[in-house]
Amino acid sequence: MPNYVPSPDEVTAAMTENGGWTREQLAEWGIPHPPPQGWRKHLEAKWRGEDVAELPRQEPDQDALF
């Protein structure tokens, strides 16, 4: 669990030239890869001090492994 929650401006500033975020950057913020839908709003709510549930981790389908 990360101790640091970035501000919305910091999240925007960390965006790569291609319009995404690196796996390492997401991990620093405690966001799983691939990031689930709504992760930016989740971080913003945490930054504002709201009590939010953990983001769901997307597990690959077993069929995708074969």
N, C-alpha and C. Protein backbone atom coordinates (compact mmCIF):
# COMPACT_ATOMS: atom_id res chain seq x y z
N MET A 1 0.86 -1.18 0.00
CA MET A 1 0.00 0.00 0.00
C MET A 1 0.90 1.24 0.00
N PRO A 2 0.74 2.08 -0.99
CA PRO A 2 1.60 3.27 -1.04
C PRO A 2 1.22 4.27 0.04
N ASN A 3 2.22 4.97 0.53
CA ASN A 3 1.97 6.01 1.52
C ASN A 3 1.68 7.34 0.84
N TYR A 4 2.14 7.48 -0.38
CA TYR A 4 2.02 8.74 -1.09
C TYR A 4 0.88 8.68 -2.10
N VAL A 5 0.00 9.66 -2.04
CA VAL A 5 -1.09 9.76 -3.01
C VAL A 5 -0.86 11.05 -3.79
N PRO A 6 -0.68 10.94 -5.11
CA PRO A 6 -0.39 12.13 -5.92
C PRO A 6 -1.63 13.00 -6.11
N SER A 7 -1.39 14.28 -6.33
CA SER A 7 -2.49 15.19 -6.64
C SER A 7 -2.92 14.94 -8.08
N PRO A 8 -4.12 15.38 -8.44
CA PRO A 8 -4.54 15.24 -9.84
C PRO A 8 -3.56 15.89 -10.82
N ASP A 9 -2.97 17.01 -10.43
CA ASP A 9 -1.99 17.67 -11.30
C ASP A 9 -0.74 16.81 -11.47
N GLU A 10 -0.31 16.15 -10.41
CA GLU A 10 0.85 15.27 -10.50
C GLU A 10 0.57 14.07 -11.40
N VAL A 11 -0.64 13.55 -11.32
CA VAL A 11 -1.02 12.42 -12.18
C VAL A 11 -0.95 12.86 -13.64
N THR A 12 -1.50 14.01 -13.93
CA THR A 12 -1.48 14.53 -15.30
C THR A 12 -0.05 14.79 -15.76
N ALA A 13 0.77 15.36 -14.89
CA ALA A 13 2.16 15.68 -15.24
C ALA A 13 2.99 14.42 -15.51
N ALA A 14 2.62 13.29 -14.92
CA ALA A 14 3.37 12.05 -15.09
C ALA A 14 3.00 11.30 -16.37
N MET A 15 2.02 11.81 -17.10
CA MET A 15 1.58 11.15 -18.33
C MET A 15 2.73 11.15 -19.35
N THR A 16 2.90 10.02 -20.03
CA THR A 16 3.94 9.92 -21.05
C THR A 16 3.51 10.66 -22.31
N GLU A 17 4.44 10.80 -23.24
CA GLU A 17 4.12 11.46 -24.52
C GLU A 17 3.01 10.75 -25.27
N ASN A 18 2.89 9.44 -25.05
CA ASN A 18 1.85 8.65 -25.73
C ASN A 18 0.50 8.72 -25.04
N GLY A 19 0.42 9.47 -23.94
CA GLY A 19 -0.87 9.64 -23.26
C GLY A 19 -1.20 8.57 -22.25
N GLY A 20 -0.20 7.86 -21.77
CA GLY A 20 -0.43 6.82 -20.77
C GLY A 20 0.50 7.01 -19.59
N TRP A 21 0.60 5.98 -18.78
CA TRP A 21 1.48 6.00 -17.62
C TRP A 21 2.27 4.70 -17.62
N THR A 22 3.49 4.77 -17.12
CA THR A 22 4.32 3.57 -17.10
C THR A 22 3.85 2.62 -16.00
N ARG A 23 4.15 1.36 -16.19
CA ARG A 23 3.82 0.34 -15.20
C ARG A 23 4.47 0.70 -13.85
N GLU A 24 5.71 1.20 -13.92
CA GLU A 24 6.43 1.56 -12.70
C GLU A 24 5.76 2.72 -11.97
N GLN A 25 5.31 3.71 -12.74
CA GLN A 25 4.64 4.87 -12.13
C GLN A 25 3.34 4.44 -11.47
N LEU A 26 2.56 3.62 -12.15
CA LEU A 26 1.30 3.14 -11.58
C LEU A 26 1.56 2.35 -10.29
N ALA A 27 2.59 1.51 -10.31
CA ALA A 27 2.92 0.71 -9.14
C ALA A 27 3.30 1.60 -7.96
N GLU A 28 4.01 2.69 -8.24
CA GLU A 28 4.39 3.63 -7.18
C GLU A 28 3.16 4.21 -6.49
N TRP A 29 2.11 4.38 -7.24
CA TRP A 29 0.86 4.92 -6.69
C TRP A 29 -0.07 3.84 -6.17
N GLY A 30 0.33 2.57 -6.31
CA GLY A 30 -0.51 1.47 -5.84
C GLY A 30 -1.60 1.08 -6.81
N ILE A 31 -1.44 1.42 -8.08
CA ILE A 31 -2.44 1.10 -9.10
C ILE A 31 -1.98 -0.15 -9.84
N PRO A 32 -2.84 -1.17 -9.95
CA PRO A 32 -2.45 -2.39 -10.66
C PRO A 32 -2.32 -2.14 -12.16
N HIS A 33 -1.60 -3.03 -12.83
CA HIS A 33 -1.47 -2.95 -14.28
C HIS A 33 -2.07 -4.19 -14.89
N PRO A 34 -2.94 -4.08 -15.87
CA PRO A 34 -3.40 -2.82 -16.44
C PRO A 34 -4.32 -2.09 -15.48
N PRO A 35 -4.30 -0.76 -15.53
CA PRO A 35 -5.11 0.00 -14.58
C PRO A 35 -6.61 -0.19 -14.84
N PRO A 36 -7.37 -0.45 -13.79
CA PRO A 36 -8.81 -0.63 -13.97
C PRO A 36 -9.50 0.70 -14.29
N GLN A 37 -10.65 0.60 -14.88
CA GLN A 37 -11.43 1.78 -15.20
C GLN A 37 -11.72 2.56 -13.92
N GLY A 38 -11.57 3.87 -14.00
CA GLY A 38 -11.86 4.74 -12.86
C GLY A 38 -10.70 4.95 -11.91
N TRP A 39 -9.50 4.49 -12.28
CA TRP A 39 -8.36 4.59 -11.35
C TRP A 39 -7.99 6.03 -11.05
N ARG A 40 -8.12 6.93 -12.03
CA ARG A 40 -7.76 8.34 -11.78
C ARG A 40 -8.73 8.98 -10.79
N LYS A 41 -10.02 8.69 -10.93
CA LYS A 41 -11.01 9.23 -9.99
C LYS A 41 -10.78 8.64 -8.60
N HIS A 42 -10.37 7.39 -8.55
CA HIS A 42 -10.06 6.72 -7.28
C HIS A 42 -8.91 7.45 -6.58
N LEU A 43 -7.82 7.71 -7.33
CA LEU A 43 -6.68 8.42 -6.74
C LEU A 43 -7.07 9.82 -6.29
N GLU A 44 -7.87 10.50 -7.10
CA GLU A 44 -8.29 11.85 -6.74
C GLU A 44 -9.10 11.85 -5.44
N ALA A 45 -9.98 10.87 -5.29
CA ALA A 45 -10.79 10.77 -4.07
C ALA A 45 -9.89 10.50 -2.86
N LYS A 46 -8.89 9.63 -3.04
CA LYS A 46 -7.95 9.37 -1.94
C LYS A 46 -7.16 10.63 -1.60
N TRP A 47 -6.77 11.37 -2.62
CA TRP A 47 -6.01 12.61 -2.42
C TRP A 47 -6.82 13.62 -1.62
N ARG A 48 -8.15 13.66 -1.88
CA ARG A 48 -9.04 14.57 -1.14
C ARG A 48 -9.33 14.07 0.28
N GLY A 49 -8.85 12.86 0.61
CA GLY A 49 -9.05 12.33 1.95
C GLY A 49 -10.31 11.51 2.12
N GLU A 50 -10.96 11.17 1.01
CA GLU A 50 -12.16 10.36 1.11
C GLU A 50 -11.79 8.91 1.43
N ASP A 51 -12.68 8.22 2.09
CA ASP A 51 -12.47 6.82 2.42
C ASP A 51 -12.95 6.00 1.23
N VAL A 52 -12.01 5.44 0.48
CA VAL A 52 -12.37 4.69 -0.72
C VAL A 52 -11.91 3.25 -0.60
N ALA A 53 -12.65 2.35 -1.23
CA ALA A 53 -12.29 0.94 -1.25
C ALA A 53 -11.10 0.73 -2.18
N GLU A 54 -10.42 -0.37 -2.01
CA GLU A 54 -9.30 -0.69 -2.89
C GLU A 54 -9.82 -0.95 -4.30
N LEU A 55 -8.98 -0.65 -5.27
CA LEU A 55 -9.34 -0.91 -6.67
C LEU A 55 -9.32 -2.41 -6.92
N PRO A 56 -10.24 -2.90 -7.75
CA PRO A 56 -10.21 -4.32 -8.09
C PRO A 56 -9.03 -4.62 -9.01
N ARG A 57 -8.41 -5.73 -8.81
CA ARG A 57 -7.31 -6.15 -9.68
C ARG A 57 -7.90 -7.00 -10.79
N GLN A 58 -7.50 -6.70 -12.00
CA GLN A 58 -8.01 -7.45 -13.14
C GLN A 58 -7.14 -8.67 -13.36
N GLU A 59 -7.74 -9.82 -13.15
CA GLU A 59 -7.01 -11.07 -13.36
C GLU A 59 -7.27 -11.53 -14.79
N PRO A 60 -6.24 -12.02 -15.47
CA PRO A 60 -6.46 -12.49 -16.84
C PRO A 60 -7.32 -13.76 -16.83
N ASP A 61 -8.10 -13.91 -17.89
CA ASP A 61 -8.87 -15.14 -18.04
C ASP A 61 -7.92 -16.31 -18.16
N GLN A 62 -8.30 -17.42 -17.60
CA GLN A 62 -7.45 -18.60 -17.70
C GLN A 62 -7.21 -18.97 -19.16
N ASP A 63 -8.20 -18.79 -20.01
CA ASP A 63 -8.05 -19.12 -21.43
C ASP A 63 -6.96 -18.28 -22.09
N ALA A 64 -6.74 -17.08 -21.59
CA ALA A 64 -5.74 -16.19 -22.19
C ALA A 64 -4.32 -16.69 -21.92
N LEU A 65 -4.18 -17.57 -20.94
CA LEU A 65 -2.86 -18.07 -20.60
C LEU A 65 -2.41 -19.21 -21.50
N PHE A 66 -3.32 -19.75 -22.28
CA PHE A 66 -2.99 -20.91 -23.13
C PHE A 66 -3.15 -20.59 -24.59
